[in-house]
Amino acid sequence: MRILVGPSKRGFYFLNHCVYTHSIDGIVFYVGHGTPTRPYSSGVTNRNKIWMDTVRKNNYFDVDIIGWYESKAEAILKERELIALYKPAANPPRKHNFRQYRNGDLSYRDLTTGTAA
């Protein structure tokens, strides 16, 4: 699916990259970017363990499309901005230091156990 938008220097262009969040009960547990179908994907081969455990425990997730971008680079910049803002559980720091990530961060809620970290 592509979304046709207004004119550009090259004629019409497509916004092929989106930034989205996955949330449960209003708590964002994942921020991602991708093609128009990526936000709705829940396959076991393309999500990390924290994401899978969270969805299995809760049996659902809500999708919010934050924005559409012409370039992947623009989408990645917005994704990084939102990860820094929300600190979602299923977007661990790049070094995967979960203790450091959870330590003292009251904005993080462990959706796999239902407790605040």
PDB file of N, CA and C in Angstrom:
ATOM      1  N   MET A   1       0.839  -1.171   0.000  1.00  0.00           N
ATOM      2  CA  MET A   1       0.000   0.000   0.000  1.00  0.00           C
ATOM      3  C   MET A   1       0.889   1.240   0.000  1.00  0.00           C
ATOM      4  N   ARG A   2       0.631   2.141  -0.888  1.00  0.00           N
ATOM      5  CA  ARG A   2       1.339   3.414  -0.928  1.00  0.00           C
ATOM      6  C   ARG A   2       0.317   4.533  -0.844  1.00  0.00           C
ATOM      7  N   ILE A   3       0.750   5.618  -0.253  1.00  0.00           N
ATOM      8  CA  ILE A   3      -0.139   6.758  -0.111  1.00  0.00           C
ATOM      9  C   ILE A   3       0.361   7.871  -1.016  1.00  0.00           C
ATOM     10  N   LEU A   4      -0.442   8.261  -1.949  1.00  0.00           N
ATOM     11  CA  LEU A   4      -0.078   9.320  -2.879  1.00  0.00           C
ATOM     12  C   LEU A   4      -0.308  10.665  -2.213  1.00  0.00           C
ATOM     13  N   VAL A   5       0.693  11.513  -2.280  1.00  0.00           N
ATOM     14  CA  VAL A   5       0.571  12.854  -1.703  1.00  0.00           C
ATOM     15  C   VAL A   5       0.938  13.889  -2.751  1.00  0.00           C
ATOM     16  N   GLY A   6       1.022  15.142  -2.327  1.00  0.00           N
ATOM     17  CA  GLY A   6       1.150  16.263  -3.240  1.00  0.00           C
ATOM     18  C   GLY A   6       2.369  16.308  -4.132  1.00  0.00           C
ATOM     19  N   PRO A   7       2.449  17.344  -4.957  1.00  0.00           N
ATOM     20  CA  PRO A   7       3.507  17.468  -5.953  1.00  0.00           C
ATOM     21  C   PRO A   7       4.864  17.771  -5.328  1.00  0.00           C
ATOM     22  N   SER A   8       5.909  17.373  -6.012  1.00  0.00           N
ATOM     23  CA  SER A   8       7.278  17.709  -5.633  1.00  0.00           C
ATOM     24  C   SER A   8       8.029  18.076  -6.914  1.00  0.00           C
ATOM     25  N   LYS A   9       9.322  18.282  -6.800  1.00  0.00           N
ATOM     26  CA  LYS A   9      10.132  18.616  -7.976  1.00  0.00           C
ATOM     27  C   LYS A   9      10.081  17.510  -9.031  1.00  0.00           C
ATOM     28  N   ARG A  10       9.874  16.272  -8.590  1.00  0.00           N
ATOM     29  CA  ARG A  10       9.861  15.128  -9.505  1.00  0.00           C
ATOM     30  C   ARG A  10       8.434  14.749  -9.898  1.00  0.00           C
ATOM     31  N   GLY A  11       7.493  15.630  -9.760  1.00  0.00           N
ATOM     32  CA  GLY A  11       6.099  15.276  -9.998  1.00  0.00           C
ATOM     33  C   GLY A  11       5.490  14.834  -8.680  1.00  0.00           C
ATOM     34  N   PHE A  12       4.664  13.815  -8.686  1.00  0.00           N
ATOM     35  CA  PHE A  12       4.086  13.319  -7.442  1.00  0.00           C
ATOM     36  C   PHE A  12       5.048  12.343  -6.782  1.00  0.00           C
ATOM     37  N   TYR A  13       5.010  12.281  -5.470  1.00  0.00           N
ATOM     38  CA  TYR A  13       5.884  11.351  -4.756  1.00  0.00           C
ATOM     39  C   TYR A  13       5.060  10.556  -3.746  1.00  0.00           C
ATOM     40  N   PHE A  14       5.647   9.484  -3.268  1.00  0.00           N
ATOM     41  CA  PHE A  14       4.977   8.610  -2.333  1.00  0.00           C
ATOM     42  C   PHE A  14       5.657   8.689  -0.967  1.00  0.00           C
ATOM     43  N   LEU A  15       4.860   8.637   0.053  1.00  0.00           N
ATOM     44  CA  LEU A  15       5.396   8.531   1.409  1.00  0.00           C
ATOM     45  C   LEU A  15       5.382   7.054   1.763  1.00  0.00           C
ATOM     46  N   ASN A  16       6.527   6.420   1.655  1.00  0.00           N
ATOM     47  CA  ASN A  16       6.627   4.972   1.822  1.00  0.00           C
ATOM     48  C   ASN A  16       7.096   4.534   3.195  1.00  0.00           C
ATOM     49  N   HIS A  17       7.491   5.467   4.057  1.00  0.00           N
ATOM     50  CA  HIS A  17       8.065   5.107   5.352  1.00  0.00           C
ATOM     51  C   HIS A  17       7.222   5.712   6.463  1.00  0.00           C
ATOM     52  N   CYS A  18       6.845   4.868   7.411  1.00  0.00           N
ATOM     53  CA  CYS A  18       6.060   5.370   8.528  1.00  0.00           C
ATOM     54  C   CYS A  18       6.789   5.128   9.836  1.00  0.00           C
ATOM     55  N   VAL A  19       6.429   5.911  10.832  1.00  0.00           N
ATOM     56  CA  VAL A  19       6.868   5.706  12.206  1.00  0.00           C
ATOM     57  C   VAL A  19       5.609   5.406  13.000  1.00  0.00           C
ATOM     58  N   TYR A  20       5.693   4.416  13.867  1.00  0.00           N
ATOM     59  CA  TYR A  20       4.501   3.954  14.576  1.00  0.00           C
ATOM     60  C   TYR A  20       4.845   3.540  15.998  1.00  0.00           C
ATOM     61  N   THR A  21       3.807   3.452  16.833  1.00  0.00           N
ATOM     62  CA  THR A  21       3.979   2.922  18.181  1.00  0.00           C
ATOM     63  C   THR A  21       3.032   1.752  18.381  1.00  0.00           C
ATOM     64  N   HIS A  22       3.447   0.843  19.233  1.00  0.00           N
ATOM     65  CA  HIS A  22       2.583  -0.225  19.726  1.00  0.00           C
ATOM     66  C   HIS A  22       2.375   0.050  21.205  1.00  0.00           C
ATOM     67  N   SER A  23       1.138  -0.014  21.649  1.00  0.00           N
ATOM     68  CA  SER A  23       0.842   0.269  23.050  1.00  0.00           C
ATOM     69  C   SER A  23      -0.212  -0.689  23.580  1.00  0.00           C
ATOM     70  N   ILE A  24      -0.254  -0.776  24.888  1.00  0.00           N
ATOM     71  CA  ILE A  24      -1.269  -1.554  25.591  1.00  0.00           C
ATOM     72  C   ILE A  24      -1.766  -0.672  26.726  1.00  0.00           C
ATOM     73  N   ASP A  25      -3.073  -0.490  26.795  1.00  0.00           N
ATOM     74  CA  ASP A  25      -3.681   0.382  27.814  1.00  0.00           C
ATOM     75  C   ASP A  25      -3.032   1.762  27.842  1.00  0.00           C
ATOM     76  N   GLY A  26      -2.690   2.282  26.669  1.00  0.00           N
ATOM     77  CA  GLY A  26      -2.125   3.625  26.568  1.00  0.00           C
ATOM     78  C   GLY A  26      -0.642   3.724  26.885  1.00  0.00           C
ATOM     79  N   ILE A  27       0.008   2.612  27.211  1.00  0.00           N
ATOM     80  CA  ILE A  27       1.438   2.618  27.517  1.00  0.00           C
ATOM     81  C   ILE A  27       2.206   2.116  26.297  1.00  0.00           C
ATOM     82  N   VAL A  28       3.049   2.979  25.759  1.00  0.00           N
ATOM     83  CA  VAL A  28       3.835   2.616  24.577  1.00  0.00           C
ATOM     84  C   VAL A  28       4.913   1.625  24.995  1.00  0.00           C
ATOM     85  N   PHE A  29       4.911   0.436  24.351  1.00  0.00           N
ATOM     86  CA  PHE A  29       5.947  -0.536  24.653  1.00  0.00           C
ATOM     87  C   PHE A  29       6.871  -0.778  23.463  1.00  0.00           C
ATOM     88  N   TYR A  30       6.581  -0.165  22.316  1.00  0.00           N
ATOM     89  CA  TYR A  30       7.448  -0.321  21.150  1.00  0.00           C
ATOM     90  C   TYR A  30       7.271   0.860  20.208  1.00  0.00           C
ATOM     91  N   VAL A  31       8.381   1.342  19.665  1.00  0.00           N
ATOM     92  CA  VAL A  31       8.383   2.372  18.618  1.00  0.00           C
ATOM     93  C   VAL A  31       9.135   1.780  17.438  1.00  0.00           C
ATOM     94  N   GLY A  32       8.576   1.918  16.253  1.00  0.00           N
ATOM     95  CA  GLY A  32       9.236   1.356  15.079  1.00  0.00           C
ATOM     96  C   GLY A  32       9.052   2.206  13.847  1.00  0.00           C
ATOM     97  N   HIS A  33       9.751   1.834  12.799  1.00  0.00           N
ATOM     98  CA  HIS A  33       9.588   2.464  11.488  1.00  0.00           C
ATOM     99  C   HIS A  33       9.561   1.356  10.455  1.00  0.00           C
ATOM    100  N   GLY A  34       8.985   1.648   9.313  1.00  0.00           N
ATOM    101  CA  GLY A  34       8.969   0.647   8.260  1.00  0.00           C
ATOM    102  C   GLY A  34       8.018   0.996   7.140  1.00  0.00           C
ATOM    103  N   THR A  35       7.703  -0.025   6.370  1.00  0.00           N
ATOM    104  CA  THR A  35       6.785   0.116   5.249  1.00  0.00           C
ATOM    105  C   THR A  35       5.360   0.234   5.783  1.00  0.00           C
ATOM    106  N   PRO A  36       4.401   0.570   4.946  1.00  0.00           N
ATOM    107  CA  PRO A  36       3.028   0.754   5.427  1.00  0.00           C
ATOM    108  C   PRO A  36       2.409  -0.468   6.111  1.00  0.00           C
ATOM    109  N   THR A  37       2.877  -1.673   5.823  1.00  0.00           N
ATOM    110  CA  THR A  37       2.294  -2.856   6.466  1.00  0.00           C
ATOM    111  C   THR A  37       3.030  -3.262   7.750  1.00  0.00           C
ATOM    112  N   ARG A  38       4.220  -2.772   7.977  1.00  0.00           N
ATOM    113  CA  ARG A  38       5.029  -3.170   9.134  1.00  0.00           C
ATOM    114  C   ARG A  38       4.340  -2.935  10.478  1.00  0.00           C
ATOM    115  N   PRO A  39       3.651  -1.838  10.713  1.00  0.00           N
ATOM    116  CA  PRO A  39       3.043  -1.625  12.032  1.00  0.00           C
ATOM    117  C   PRO A  39       2.070  -2.721  12.443  1.00  0.00           C
ATOM    118  N   TYR A  40       1.478  -3.388  11.485  1.00  0.00           N
ATOM    119  CA  TYR A  40       0.439  -4.377  11.770  1.00  0.00           C
ATOM    120  C   TYR A  40       0.983  -5.799  11.793  1.00  0.00           C
ATOM    121  N   SER A  41       2.276  -5.948  11.585  1.00  0.00           N
ATOM    122  CA  SER A  41       2.902  -7.267  11.553  1.00  0.00           C
ATOM    123  C   SER A  41       3.105  -7.779  12.972  1.00  0.00           C
ATOM    124  N   SER A  42       2.746  -9.027  13.193  1.00  0.00           N
ATOM    125  CA  SER A  42       2.953  -9.622  14.514  1.00  0.00           C
ATOM    126  C   SER A  42       3.593 -10.992  14.401  1.00  0.00           C
ATOM    127  N   GLY A  43       4.321 -11.234  13.320  1.00  0.00           N
ATOM    128  CA  GLY A  43       4.958 -12.529  13.107  1.00  0.00           C
ATOM    129  C   GLY A  43       6.077 -12.804  14.088  1.00  0.00           C
ATOM    130  N   VAL A  44       6.238 -14.069  14.451  1.00  0.00           N
ATOM    131  CA  VAL A  44       7.238 -14.434  15.448  1.00  0.00           C
ATOM    132  C   VAL A  44       8.668 -14.288  14.940  1.00  0.00           C
ATOM    133  N   THR A  45       8.865 -14.222  13.647  1.00  0.00           N
ATOM    134  CA  THR A  45      10.231 -14.141  13.128  1.00  0.00           C
ATOM    135  C   THR A  45      10.755 -12.714  13.022  1.00  0.00           C
ATOM    136  N   ASN A  46       9.886 -11.726  13.197  1.00  0.00           N
ATOM    137  CA  ASN A  46      10.359 -10.359  12.994  1.00  0.00           C
ATOM    138  C   ASN A  46      10.119  -9.432  14.188  1.00  0.00           C
ATOM    139  N   ARG A  47       9.952  -9.986  15.372  1.00  0.00           N
ATOM    140  CA  ARG A  47       9.797  -9.189  16.593  1.00  0.00           C
ATOM    141  C   ARG A  47      10.694  -9.774  17.676  1.00  0.00           C
ATOM    142  N   ASN A  48      11.161  -8.928  18.592  1.00  0.00           N
ATOM    143  CA  ASN A  48      12.055  -9.426  19.631  1.00  0.00           C
ATOM    144  C   ASN A  48      11.286 -10.111  20.765  1.00  0.00           C
ATOM    145  N   LYS A  49      12.025 -10.758  21.656  1.00  0.00           N
ATOM    146  CA  LYS A  49      11.417 -11.555  22.724  1.00  0.00           C
ATOM    147  C   LYS A  49      10.543 -10.713  23.651  1.00  0.00           C
ATOM    148  N   ILE A  50      10.985  -9.520  24.015  1.00  0.00           N
ATOM    149  CA  ILE A  50      10.187  -8.674  24.904  1.00  0.00           C
ATOM    150  C   ILE A  50       8.867  -8.308  24.231  1.00  0.00           C
ATOM    151  N   TRP A  51       8.919  -7.978  22.947  1.00  0.00           N
ATOM    152  CA  TRP A  51       7.698  -7.653  22.210  1.00  0.00           C
ATOM    153  C   TRP A  51       6.762  -8.858  22.210  1.00  0.00           C
ATOM    154  N   MET A  52       7.294 -10.022  21.876  1.00  0.00           N
ATOM    155  CA  MET A  52       6.466 -11.234  21.806  1.00  0.00           C
ATOM    156  C   MET A  52       5.860 -11.572  23.163  1.00  0.00           C
ATOM    157  N   ASP A  53       6.647 -11.524  24.237  1.00  0.00           N
ATOM    158  CA  ASP A  53       6.136 -11.835  25.579  1.00  0.00           C
ATOM    159  C   ASP A  53       5.033 -10.867  25.993  1.00  0.00           C
ATOM    160  N   THR A  54       5.224  -9.597  25.674  1.00  0.00           N
ATOM    161  CA  THR A  54       4.230  -8.578  26.026  1.00  0.00           C
ATOM    162  C   THR A  54       2.909  -8.830  25.305  1.00  0.00           C
ATOM    163  N   VAL A  55       2.975  -9.098  24.025  1.00  0.00           N
ATOM    164  CA  VAL A  55       1.753  -9.332  23.245  1.00  0.00           C
ATOM    165  C   VAL A  55       1.083 -10.642  23.648  1.00  0.00           C
ATOM    166  N   ARG A  56       1.875 -11.669  23.903  1.00  0.00           N
ATOM    167  CA  ARG A  56       1.284 -12.951  24.336  1.00  0.00           C
ATOM    168  C   ARG A  56       0.544 -12.803  25.657  1.00  0.00           C
ATOM    169  N   LYS A  57       1.130 -12.060  26.600  1.00  0.00           N
ATOM    170  CA  LYS A  57       0.497 -11.881  27.910  1.00  0.00           C
ATOM    171  C   LYS A  57      -0.805 -11.096  27.801  1.00  0.00           C
ATOM    172  N   ASN A  58      -0.811 -10.085  26.954  1.00  0.00           N
ATOM    173  CA  ASN A  58      -1.955  -9.186  26.873  1.00  0.00           C
ATOM    174  C   ASN A  58      -2.947  -9.529  25.766  1.00  0.00           C
ATOM    175  N   ASN A  59      -2.546 -10.367  24.827  1.00  0.00           N
ATOM    176  CA  ASN A  59      -3.398 -10.832  23.731  1.00  0.00           C
ATOM    177  C   ASN A  59      -3.811  -9.759  22.729  1.00  0.00           C
ATOM    178  N   TYR A  60      -3.225  -8.591  22.791  1.00  0.00           N
ATOM    179  CA  TYR A  60      -3.539  -7.545  21.816  1.00  0.00           C
ATOM    180  C   TYR A  60      -2.490  -6.447  21.906  1.00  0.00           C
ATOM    181  N   PHE A  61      -2.495  -5.570  20.921  1.00  0.00           N
ATOM    182  CA  PHE A  61      -1.734  -4.330  20.990  1.00  0.00           C
ATOM    183  C   PHE A  61      -2.402  -3.305  20.091  1.00  0.00           C
ATOM    184  N   ASP A  62      -2.278  -2.049  20.468  1.00  0.00           N
ATOM    185  CA  ASP A  62      -2.825  -0.951  19.680  1.00  0.00           C
ATOM    186  C   ASP A  62      -1.713  -0.364  18.817  1.00  0.00           C
ATOM    187  N   VAL A  63      -2.072   0.032  17.599  1.00  0.00           N
ATOM    188  CA  VAL A  63      -1.128   0.629  16.659  1.00  0.00           C
ATOM    189  C   VAL A  63      -1.512   2.090  16.443  1.00  0.00           C
ATOM    190  N   ASP A  64      -0.532   2.967  16.569  1.00  0.00           N
ATOM    191  CA  ASP A  64      -0.720   4.381  16.240  1.00  0.00           C
ATOM    192  C   ASP A  64       0.340   4.773  15.230  1.00  0.00           C
ATOM    193  N   ILE A  65      -0.091   5.264  14.079  1.00  0.00           N
ATOM    194  CA  ILE A  65       0.847   5.773  13.073  1.00  0.00           C
ATOM    195  C   ILE A  65       1.167   7.212  13.468  1.00  0.00           C
ATOM    196  N   ILE A  66       2.437   7.466  13.737  1.00  0.00           N
ATOM    197  CA  ILE A  66       2.868   8.794  14.172  1.00  0.00           C
ATOM    198  C   ILE A  66       3.053   9.729  12.986  1.00  0.00           C
ATOM    199  N   GLY A  67       3.613   9.204  11.897  1.00  0.00           N
ATOM    200  CA  GLY A  67       3.828  10.050  10.728  1.00  0.00           C
ATOM    201  C   GLY A  67       4.316   9.253   9.531  1.00  0.00           C
ATOM    202  N   TRP A  68       4.241   9.895   8.365  1.00  0.00           N
ATOM    203  CA  TRP A  68       4.681   9.310   7.095  1.00  0.00           C
ATOM    204  C   TRP A  68       5.827  10.152   6.559  1.00  0.00           C
ATOM    205  N   TYR A  69       6.832   9.489   5.983  1.00  0.00           N
ATOM    206  CA  TYR A  69       8.036  10.166   5.541  1.00  0.00           C
ATOM    207  C   TYR A  69       8.436   9.684   4.156  1.00  0.00           C
ATOM    208  N   GLU A  70       9.020  10.587   3.388  1.00  0.00           N
ATOM    209  CA  GLU A  70       9.467  10.243   2.046  1.00  0.00           C
ATOM    210  C   GLU A  70      10.733   9.402   2.087  1.00  0.00           C
ATOM    211  N   SER A  71      11.605   9.646   3.061  1.00  0.00           N
ATOM    212  CA  SER A  71      12.861   8.884   3.126  1.00  0.00           C
ATOM    213  C   SER A  71      12.938   8.055   4.402  1.00  0.00           C
ATOM    214  N   LYS A  72      13.677   6.968   4.293  1.00  0.00           N
ATOM    215  CA  LYS A  72      13.906   6.104   5.455  1.00  0.00           C
ATOM    216  C   LYS A  72      14.690   6.858   6.531  1.00  0.00           C
ATOM    217  N   ALA A  73      15.615   7.705   6.116  1.00  0.00           N
ATOM    218  CA  ALA A  73      16.424   8.474   7.066  1.00  0.00           C
ATOM    219  C   ALA A  73      15.554   9.375   7.943  1.00  0.00           C
ATOM    220  N   GLU A  74      14.573  10.040   7.337  1.00  0.00           N
ATOM    221  CA  GLU A  74      13.659  10.888   8.112  1.00  0.00           C
ATOM    222  C   GLU A  74      12.885  10.062   9.125  1.00  0.00           C
ATOM    223  N   ALA A  75      12.434   8.891   8.698  1.00  0.00           N
ATOM    224  CA  ALA A  75      11.672   8.013   9.590  1.00  0.00           C
ATOM    225  C   ALA A  75      12.532   7.539  10.759  1.00  0.00           C
ATOM    226  N   ILE A  76      13.779   7.184  10.485  1.00  0.00           N
ATOM    227  CA  ILE A  76      14.666   6.712  11.548  1.00  0.00           C
ATOM    228  C   ILE A  76      14.940   7.818  12.564  1.00  0.00           C
ATOM    229  N   LEU A  77      15.117   9.036  12.097  1.00  0.00           N
ATOM    230  CA  LEU A  77      15.339  10.154  13.027  1.00  0.00           C
ATOM    231  C   LEU A  77      14.147  10.339  13.954  1.00  0.00           C
ATOM    232  N   LYS A  78      12.948  10.275  13.409  1.00  0.00           N
ATOM    233  CA  LYS A  78      11.750  10.418  14.237  1.00  0.00           C
ATOM    234  C   LYS A  78      11.612   9.230  15.192  1.00  0.00           C
ATOM    235  N   GLU A  79      11.900   8.035  14.703  1.00  0.00           N
ATOM    236  CA  GLU A  79      11.835   6.842  15.558  1.00  0.00           C
ATOM    237  C   GLU A  79      12.777   6.995  16.752  1.00  0.00           C
ATOM    238  N   ARG A  80      14.013   7.416  16.511  1.00  0.00           N
ATOM    239  CA  ARG A  80      14.987   7.590  17.601  1.00  0.00           C
ATOM    240  C   ARG A  80      14.518   8.641  18.602  1.00  0.00           C
ATOM    241  N   GLU A  81      13.925   9.711  18.101  1.00  0.00           N
ATOM    242  CA  GLU A  81      13.399  10.760  18.974  1.00  0.00           C
ATOM    243  C   GLU A  81      12.315  10.197  19.905  1.00  0.00           C
ATOM    244  N   LEU A  82      11.425   9.390  19.349  1.00  0.00           N
ATOM    245  CA  LEU A  82      10.337   8.821  20.152  1.00  0.00           C
ATOM    246  C   LEU A  82      10.833   7.752  21.121  1.00  0.00           C
ATOM    247  N   ILE A  83      11.840   6.986  20.733  1.00  0.00           N
ATOM    248  CA  ILE A  83      12.418   5.997  21.649  1.00  0.00           C
ATOM    249  C   ILE A  83      13.035   6.712  22.852  1.00  0.00           C
ATOM    250  N   ALA A  84      13.720   7.817  22.608  1.00  0.00           N
ATOM    251  CA  ALA A  84      14.302   8.596  23.708  1.00  0.00           C
ATOM    252  C   ALA A  84      13.214   9.171  24.608  1.00  0.00           C
ATOM    253  N   LEU A  85      12.093   9.549  24.028  1.00  0.00           N
ATOM    254  CA  LEU A  85      10.990  10.127  24.799  1.00  0.00           C
ATOM    255  C   LEU A  85      10.251   9.079  25.623  1.00  0.00           C
ATOM    256  N   TYR A  86       9.847   7.975  24.989  1.00  0.00           N
ATOM    257  CA  TYR A  86       9.011   6.968  25.647  1.00  0.00           C
ATOM    258  C   TYR A  86       9.792   5.899  26.409  1.00  0.00           C
ATOM    259  N   LYS A  87      11.030   5.640  26.020  1.00  0.00           N
ATOM    260  CA  LYS A  87      11.823   4.549  26.600  1.00  0.00           C
ATOM    261  C   LYS A  87      11.015   3.250  26.647  1.00  0.00           C
ATOM    262  N   PRO A  88      10.514   2.817  25.502  1.00  0.00           N
ATOM    263  CA  PRO A  88       9.642   1.642  25.482  1.00  0.00           C
ATOM    264  C   PRO A  88      10.375   0.345  25.824  1.00  0.00           C
ATOM    265  N   ALA A  89       9.658  -0.545  26.491  1.00  0.00           N
ATOM    266  CA  ALA A  89      10.241  -1.797  26.981  1.00  0.00           C
ATOM    267  C   ALA A  89      10.812  -2.668  25.872  1.00  0.00           C
ATOM    268  N   ALA A  90      10.168  -2.722  24.726  1.00  0.00           N
ATOM    269  CA  ALA A  90      10.611  -3.601  23.645  1.00  0.00           C
ATOM    270  C   ALA A  90      11.624  -2.940  22.716  1.00  0.00           C
ATOM    271  N   ASN A  91      12.086  -1.740  23.060  1.00  0.00           N
ATOM    272  CA  ASN A  91      13.184  -1.081  22.347  1.00  0.00           C
ATOM    273  C   ASN A  91      14.337  -0.910  23.335  1.00  0.00           C
ATOM    274  N   PRO A  92      15.012  -2.008  23.690  1.00  0.00           N
ATOM    275  CA  PRO A  92      16.090  -1.879  24.672  1.00  0.00           C
ATOM    276  C   PRO A  92      17.249  -1.082  24.105  1.00  0.00           C
ATOM    277  N   PRO A  93      18.101  -0.561  24.987  1.00  0.00           N
ATOM    278  CA  PRO A  93      19.302   0.123  24.502  1.00  0.00           C
ATOM    279  C   PRO A  93      20.104  -0.796  23.598  1.00  0.00           C
ATOM    280  N   ARG A  94      20.875  -0.222  22.731  1.00  0.00           N
ATOM    281  CA  ARG A  94      21.587  -1.007  21.727  1.00  0.00           C
ATOM    282  C   ARG A  94      22.485  -2.090  22.324  1.00  0.00           C
ATOM    283  N   LYS A  95      23.019  -1.866  23.516  1.00  0.00           N
ATOM    284  CA  LYS A  95      23.876  -2.875  24.139  1.00  0.00           C
ATOM    285  C   LYS A  95      23.050  -3.908  24.907  1.00  0.00           C
ATOM    286  N   HIS A  96      21.747  -3.753  24.930  1.00  0.00           N
ATOM    287  CA  HIS A  96      20.849  -4.681  25.594  1.00  0.00           C
ATOM    288  C   HIS A  96      21.177  -4.858  27.072  1.00  0.00           C
ATOM    289  N   ASN A  97      21.517  -3.776  27.747  1.00  0.00           N
ATOM    290  CA  ASN A  97      21.772  -3.818  29.174  1.00  0.00           C
ATOM    291  C   ASN A  97      20.457  -3.544  29.888  1.00  0.00           C
ATOM    292  N   PHE A  98      19.667  -4.595  30.108  1.00  0.00           N
ATOM    293  CA  PHE A  98      18.325  -4.437  30.638  1.00  0.00           C
ATOM    294  C   PHE A  98      18.327  -3.902  32.066  1.00  0.00           C
ATOM    295  N   ARG A  99      19.315  -4.274  32.883  1.00  0.00           N
ATOM    296  CA  ARG A  99      19.364  -3.762  34.255  1.00  0.00           C
ATOM    297  C   ARG A  99      19.543  -2.255  34.256  1.00  0.00           C
ATOM    298  N   GLN A 100      20.472  -1.777  33.437  1.00  0.00           N
ATOM    299  CA  GLN A 100      20.705  -0.335  33.356  1.00  0.00           C
ATOM    300  C   GLN A 100      19.449   0.357  32.845  1.00  0.00           C
ATOM    301  N   TYR A 101      18.780  -0.249  31.907  1.00  0.00           N
ATOM    302  CA  TYR A 101      17.588   0.340  31.309  1.00  0.00           C
ATOM    303  C   TYR A 101      16.469   0.475  32.326  1.00  0.00           C
ATOM    304  N   ARG A 102      16.272  -0.517  33.160  1.00  0.00           N
ATOM    305  CA  ARG A 102      15.179  -0.514  34.121  1.00  0.00           C
ATOM    306  C   ARG A 102      15.521   0.230  35.407  1.00  0.00           C
ATOM    307  N   ASN A 103      16.784   0.374  35.705  1.00  0.00           N
ATOM    308  CA  ASN A 103      17.210   0.925  36.977  1.00  0.00           C
ATOM    309  C   ASN A 103      16.723   2.361  37.173  1.00  0.00           C
ATOM    310  N   GLY A 104      15.773   2.532  38.080  1.00  0.00           N
ATOM    311  CA  GLY A 104      15.305   3.858  38.453  1.00  0.00           C
ATOM    312  C   GLY A 104      14.443   4.567  37.437  1.00  0.00           C
ATOM    313  N   ASP A 105      14.074   3.929  36.362  1.00  0.00           N
ATOM    314  CA  ASP A 105      13.273   4.578  35.334  1.00  0.00           C
ATOM    315  C   ASP A 105      11.799   4.296  35.585  1.00  0.00           C
ATOM    316  N   LEU A 106      11.120   5.206  36.256  1.00  0.00           N
ATOM    317  CA  LEU A 106       9.726   4.978  36.625  1.00  0.00           C
ATOM    318  C   LEU A 106       8.777   5.127  35.453  1.00  0.00           C
ATOM    319  N   SER A 107       9.270   5.639  34.333  1.00  0.00           N
ATOM    320  CA  SER A 107       8.411   5.742  33.157  1.00  0.00           C
ATOM    321  C   SER A 107       8.272   4.385  32.467  1.00  0.00           C
ATOM    322  N   TYR A 108       9.132   3.443  32.846  1.00  0.00           N
ATOM    323  CA  TYR A 108       9.081   2.100  32.257  1.00  0.00           C
ATOM    324  C   TYR A 108       8.149   1.234  33.091  1.00  0.00           C
ATOM    325  N   ARG A 109       7.260   0.531  32.456  1.00  0.00           N
ATOM    326  CA  ARG A 109       6.371  -0.395  33.134  1.00  0.00           C
ATOM    327  C   ARG A 109       6.558  -1.750  32.481  1.00  0.00           C
ATOM    328  N   ASP A 110       6.836  -2.743  33.286  1.00  0.00           N
ATOM    329  CA  ASP A 110       7.066  -4.069  32.742  1.00  0.00           C
ATOM    330  C   ASP A 110       5.715  -4.687  32.384  1.00  0.00           C
ATOM    331  N   LEU A 111       5.371  -4.625  31.109  1.00  0.00           N
ATOM    332  CA  LEU A 111       4.068  -5.120  30.667  1.00  0.00           C
ATOM    333  C   LEU A 111       3.990  -6.640  30.662  1.00  0.00           C
ATOM    334  N   THR A 112       5.151  -7.308  30.791  1.00  0.00           N
ATOM    335  CA  THR A 112       5.101  -8.769  30.837  1.00  0.00           C
ATOM    336  C   THR A 112       4.704  -9.271  32.213  1.00  0.00           C
ATOM    337  N   THR A 113       4.936  -8.467  33.254  1.00  0.00           N
ATOM    338  CA  THR A 113       4.555  -8.877  34.608  1.00  0.00           C
ATOM    339  C   THR A 113       3.491  -7.975  35.200  1.00  0.00           C
ATOM    340  N   GLY A 114       3.271  -6.801  34.585  1.00  0.00           N
ATOM    341  CA  GLY A 114       2.272  -5.867  35.079  1.00  0.00           C
ATOM    342  C   GLY A 114       2.755  -4.985  36.208  1.00  0.00           C
ATOM    343  N   THR A 115       4.053  -4.974  36.472  1.00  0.00           N
ATOM    344  CA  THR A 115       4.586  -4.158  37.567  1.00  0.00           C
ATOM    345  C   THR A 115       5.465  -3.057  37.029  1.00  0.00           C
ATOM    346  N   ALA A 116       5.568  -2.001  37.807  1.00  0.00           N
ATOM    347  CA  ALA A 116       6.477  -0.916  37.435  1.00  0.00           C
ATOM    348  C   ALA A 116       7.886  -1.319  37.810  1.00  0.00           C
ATOM    349  N   ALA A 117       8.832  -0.969  36.981  1.00  0.00           N
ATOM    350  CA  ALA A 117      10.227  -1.320  37.261  1.00  0.00           C
ATOM    351  C   ALA A 117      10.879  -0.226  38.069  1.00  0.00           C
TER     352      ALA A 117
END
